[in-house]
Amino acid sequence: MESDCKYLFVYGSLLDGHNEFGVYLKNNSRAIAQSSFPGLLYDMGEYPGAIHKPQITGRVYGQIVQLNDATILKALDEYEGFGDNEEQPNLFIRVMIPIATKSGTIGCWVYLYNLPIAGYPQILSGRYK
C-alpha cells in the first residue's frame, strides 16, 4: 500500500547536513542508493524544485533513503509545505514514482515542485549543490 511506503527520494535541502530537517531525516532513515529520475530541476533560490517528466532524457539526481517509520513523512510534509493544512496550492506535492537503481526499480515518495517555474533558472546538471 502506498501510504505504508518507507522509501523517499531526496534531491535538495533534505540532503544538507546543516539543515534541521536534513539532520532529522538522516537520524531517522538509512541511505539505500544514489539514483535519479527523468525530469527537470530548477533553482528556486534557497532550495531546488523538481518536475517529474517521464518522457524526457533529462535527469534529477539524488538519493533513496529508507525511513525508519512512515510517520516521519508527517514532519517532512510540513517542512515541504505539503498537505491540506498548508498554504494552497501547496508549494510541493508528495507523489510516488518509480526510481531505477542498479538492482531494480523502487517505488519512492518524492516531493515535486507544484507552482509555476517561469522565471526560475533550470539546473542543467540535474544536481543541486
C-alpha atoms as a PDB file:
ATOM      1  CA  MET A   1       0.000   0.000   0.000  1.00  0.00           C
ATOM      2  CA  GLU A   2       1.393   3.432  -0.975  1.00  0.00           C
ATOM      3  CA  SER A   3       0.680   5.039   2.395  1.00  0.00           C
ATOM      4  CA  ASP A   4       2.928   2.447   4.039  1.00  0.00           C
ATOM      5  CA  CYS A   5       5.853   3.110   1.696  1.00  0.00           C
ATOM      6  CA  LYS A   6       9.028   3.844   3.634  1.00  0.00           C
ATOM      7  CA  TYR A   7      11.180   4.876   0.666  1.00  0.00           C
ATOM      8  CA  LEU A   8      11.832   8.529  -0.102  1.00  0.00           C
ATOM      9  CA  PHE A   9      13.863  10.043  -2.923  1.00  0.00           C
ATOM     10  CA  VAL A  10      15.600  13.262  -1.833  1.00  0.00           C
ATOM     11  CA  TYR A  11      17.421  15.684  -4.138  1.00  0.00           C
ATOM     12  CA  GLY A  12      17.775  19.023  -2.356  1.00  0.00           C
ATOM     13  CA  SER A  13      17.814  20.637   1.070  1.00  0.00           C
ATOM     14  CA  LEU A  14      16.960  17.352   2.821  1.00  0.00           C
ATOM     15  CA  LEU A  15      20.457  16.161   1.824  1.00  0.00           C
ATOM     16  CA  ASP A  16      22.047  19.123   3.635  1.00  0.00           C
ATOM     17  CA  GLY A  17      23.735  18.095   6.904  1.00  0.00           C
ATOM     18  CA  HIS A  18      23.370  21.674   8.217  1.00  0.00           C
ATOM     19  CA  ASN A  19      19.623  21.795   7.604  1.00  0.00           C
ATOM     20  CA  GLU A  20      17.497  20.923  10.672  1.00  0.00           C
ATOM     21  CA  PHE A  21      15.211  18.668   8.645  1.00  0.00           C
ATOM     22  CA  GLY A  22      18.146  17.171   6.749  1.00  0.00           C
ATOM     23  CA  VAL A  23      19.631  16.131  10.102  1.00  0.00           C
ATOM     24  CA  TYR A  24      16.216  14.846  11.228  1.00  0.00           C
ATOM     25  CA  LEU A  25      15.923  12.736   8.068  1.00  0.00           C
ATOM     26  CA  LYS A  26      19.466  11.396   8.405  1.00  0.00           C
ATOM     27  CA  ASN A  27      18.793  10.379  12.021  1.00  0.00           C
ATOM     28  CA  ASN A  28      15.539   8.641  11.065  1.00  0.00           C
ATOM     29  CA  SER A  29      16.485   6.796   7.877  1.00  0.00           C
ATOM     30  CA  ARG A  30      19.240   4.893   6.153  1.00  0.00           C
ATOM     31  CA  ALA A  31      20.713   5.556   2.739  1.00  0.00           C
ATOM     32  CA  ILE A  32      19.786   2.940   0.130  1.00  0.00           C
ATOM     33  CA  ALA A  33      21.194   4.148  -3.209  1.00  0.00           C
ATOM     34  CA  GLN A  34      22.208   7.132  -5.280  1.00  0.00           C
ATOM     35  CA  SER A  35      19.829   7.366  -8.199  1.00  0.00           C
ATOM     36  CA  SER A  36      17.836   9.668 -10.466  1.00  0.00           C
ATOM     37  CA  PHE A  37      14.507  10.071 -12.207  1.00  0.00           C
ATOM     38  CA  PRO A  38      13.548  11.653 -15.537  1.00  0.00           C
ATOM     39  CA  GLY A  39      12.743  15.298 -15.048  1.00  0.00           C
ATOM     40  CA  LEU A  40      13.886  18.880 -14.700  1.00  0.00           C
ATOM     41  CA  LEU A  41      15.457  20.654 -11.732  1.00  0.00           C
ATOM     42  CA  TYR A  42      15.105  24.370 -11.020  1.00  0.00           C
ATOM     43  CA  ASP A  43      16.867  26.765  -8.659  1.00  0.00           C
ATOM     44  CA  MET A  44      14.102  28.352  -6.590  1.00  0.00           C
ATOM     45  CA  GLY A  45      16.546  30.464  -4.557  1.00  0.00           C
ATOM     46  CA  GLU A  46      17.036  28.791  -1.173  1.00  0.00           C
ATOM     47  CA  TYR A  47      16.085  25.333  -2.421  1.00  0.00           C
ATOM     48  CA  PRO A  48      15.579  23.373  -5.642  1.00  0.00           C
ATOM     49  CA  GLY A  49      12.310  22.320  -7.239  1.00  0.00           C
ATOM     50  CA  ALA A  50      11.991  19.166  -9.330  1.00  0.00           C
ATOM     51  CA  ILE A  51       9.442  18.371 -12.009  1.00  0.00           C
ATOM     52  CA  HIS A  52       8.885  14.714 -12.996  1.00  0.00           C
ATOM     53  CA  LYS A  53       8.858  14.309 -16.794  1.00  0.00           C
ATOM     54  CA  PRO A  54       8.894  10.580 -17.686  1.00  0.00           C
ATOM     55  CA  GLN A  55       9.084  11.315 -21.438  1.00  0.00           C
ATOM     56  CA  ILE A  56      12.399  13.258 -21.405  1.00  0.00           C
ATOM     57  CA  THR A  57      16.056  12.290 -21.112  1.00  0.00           C
ATOM     58  CA  GLY A  58      16.954  14.970 -18.521  1.00  0.00           C
ATOM     59  CA  ARG A  59      17.559  13.613 -15.017  1.00  0.00           C
ATOM     60  CA  VAL A  60      17.137  14.803 -11.424  1.00  0.00           C
ATOM     61  CA  TYR A  61      19.830  13.222  -9.240  1.00  0.00           C
ATOM     62  CA  GLY A  62      19.594  12.388  -5.566  1.00  0.00           C
ATOM     63  CA  GLN A  63      19.418   9.621  -3.019  1.00  0.00           C
ATOM     64  CA  ILE A  64      16.891   6.987  -1.990  1.00  0.00           C
ATOM     65  CA  VAL A  65      16.505   6.610   1.768  1.00  0.00           C
ATOM     66  CA  GLN A  66      14.524   4.063   3.735  1.00  0.00           C
ATOM     67  CA  LEU A  67      12.608   5.751   6.532  1.00  0.00           C
ATOM     68  CA  ASN A  68      12.723   4.126   9.970  1.00  0.00           C
ATOM     69  CA  ASP A  69       8.975   4.762  10.207  1.00  0.00           C
ATOM     70  CA  ALA A  70       6.485   6.015   7.600  1.00  0.00           C
ATOM     71  CA  THR A  71       5.161   8.572  10.143  1.00  0.00           C
ATOM     72  CA  ILE A  72       8.363  10.578   9.572  1.00  0.00           C
ATOM     73  CA  LEU A  73       6.670  11.826   6.406  1.00  0.00           C
ATOM     74  CA  LYS A  74       4.289  13.940   8.512  1.00  0.00           C
ATOM     75  CA  ALA A  75       7.154  16.151   9.746  1.00  0.00           C
ATOM     76  CA  LEU A  76       8.685  16.285   6.262  1.00  0.00           C
ATOM     77  CA  ASP A  77       5.310  17.208   4.731  1.00  0.00           C
ATOM     78  CA  GLU A  78       5.186  20.294   6.970  1.00  0.00           C
ATOM     79  CA  TYR A  79       8.730  21.261   6.009  1.00  0.00           C
ATOM     80  CA  GLU A  80       7.914  20.874   2.299  1.00  0.00           C
ATOM     81  CA  GLY A  81       4.628  22.798   2.564  1.00  0.00           C
ATOM     82  CA  PHE A  82       2.523  19.795   1.594  1.00  0.00           C
ATOM     83  CA  GLY A  83      -0.918  18.985   2.979  1.00  0.00           C
ATOM     84  CA  ASP A  84      -4.443  20.223   3.476  1.00  0.00           C
ATOM     85  CA  ASN A  85      -3.371  22.474   6.369  1.00  0.00           C
ATOM     86  CA  GLU A  86      -0.634  24.149   4.335  1.00  0.00           C
ATOM     87  CA  GLU A  87      -0.986  27.186   2.076  1.00  0.00           C
ATOM     88  CA  GLN A  88      -2.920  26.285  -1.057  1.00  0.00           C
ATOM     89  CA  PRO A  89      -1.884  25.456  -3.639  1.00  0.00           C
ATOM     90  CA  ASN A  90       0.886  23.508  -1.921  1.00  0.00           C
ATOM     91  CA  LEU A  91       4.454  24.563  -2.641  1.00  0.00           C
ATOM     92  CA  PHE A  92       5.392  20.896  -3.140  1.00  0.00           C
ATOM     93  CA  ILE A  93       3.327  17.780  -3.611  1.00  0.00           C
ATOM     94  CA  ARG A  94       4.395  14.331  -2.426  1.00  0.00           C
ATOM     95  CA  VAL A  95       3.884  11.652  -5.061  1.00  0.00           C
ATOM     96  CA  MET A  96       5.129   8.131  -5.582  1.00  0.00           C
ATOM     97  CA  ILE A  97       7.235   7.478  -8.661  1.00  0.00           C
ATOM     98  CA  PRO A  98       9.391   4.540  -9.777  1.00  0.00           C
ATOM     99  CA  ILE A  99      13.100   5.147  -9.252  1.00  0.00           C
ATOM    100  CA  ALA A 100      15.547   2.914 -11.127  1.00  0.00           C
ATOM    101  CA  THR A 101      18.564   1.583  -9.227  1.00  0.00           C
ATOM    102  CA  LYS A 102      21.337  -0.840 -10.208  1.00  0.00           C
ATOM    103  CA  SER A 103      19.406  -3.654  -8.519  1.00  0.00           C
ATOM    104  CA  GLY A 104      15.915  -2.829  -9.800  1.00  0.00           C
ATOM    105  CA  THR A 105      13.124  -0.281  -9.523  1.00  0.00           C
ATOM    106  CA  ILE A 106      11.860   1.037  -6.177  1.00  0.00           C
ATOM    107  CA  GLY A 107       8.607   2.941  -5.728  1.00  0.00           C
ATOM    108  CA  CYS A 108       9.568   6.063  -3.770  1.00  0.00           C
ATOM    109  CA  TRP A 109       7.871   9.122  -2.400  1.00  0.00           C
ATOM    110  CA  VAL A 110       9.313  12.335  -3.811  1.00  0.00           C
ATOM    111  CA  TYR A 111       8.444  15.984  -3.217  1.00  0.00           C
ATOM    112  CA  LEU A 112       7.851  17.690  -6.568  1.00  0.00           C
ATOM    113  CA  TYR A 113       7.542  21.424  -7.087  1.00  0.00           C
ATOM    114  CA  ASN A 114       3.892  22.399  -7.531  1.00  0.00           C
ATOM    115  CA  LEU A 115       3.915  26.077  -8.552  1.00  0.00           C
ATOM    116  CA  PRO A 116       4.825  27.823 -11.839  1.00  0.00           C
ATOM    117  CA  ILE A 117       8.508  27.640 -12.774  1.00  0.00           C
ATOM    118  CA  ALA A 118       8.548  30.674 -15.094  1.00  0.00           C
ATOM    119  CA  GLY A 119      11.494  32.929 -14.298  1.00  0.00           C
ATOM    120  CA  TYR A 120      13.466  30.335 -12.326  1.00  0.00           C
ATOM    121  CA  PRO A 121      16.746  29.074 -13.779  1.00  0.00           C
ATOM    122  CA  GLN A 122      16.983  25.423 -14.678  1.00  0.00           C
ATOM    123  CA  ILE A 123      19.826  23.447 -13.102  1.00  0.00           C
ATOM    124  CA  LEU A 124      21.005  21.713 -16.268  1.00  0.00           C
ATOM    125  CA  SER A 125      23.189  19.159 -14.455  1.00  0.00           C
ATOM    126  CA  GLY A 126      20.150  17.897 -12.527  1.00  0.00           C
ATOM    127  CA  ARG A 127      22.219  18.073  -9.323  1.00  0.00           C
ATOM    128  CA  TYR A 128      21.558  20.529  -6.505  1.00  0.00           C
ATOM    129  CA  LYS A 129      24.708  21.585  -4.676  1.00  0.00           C
END
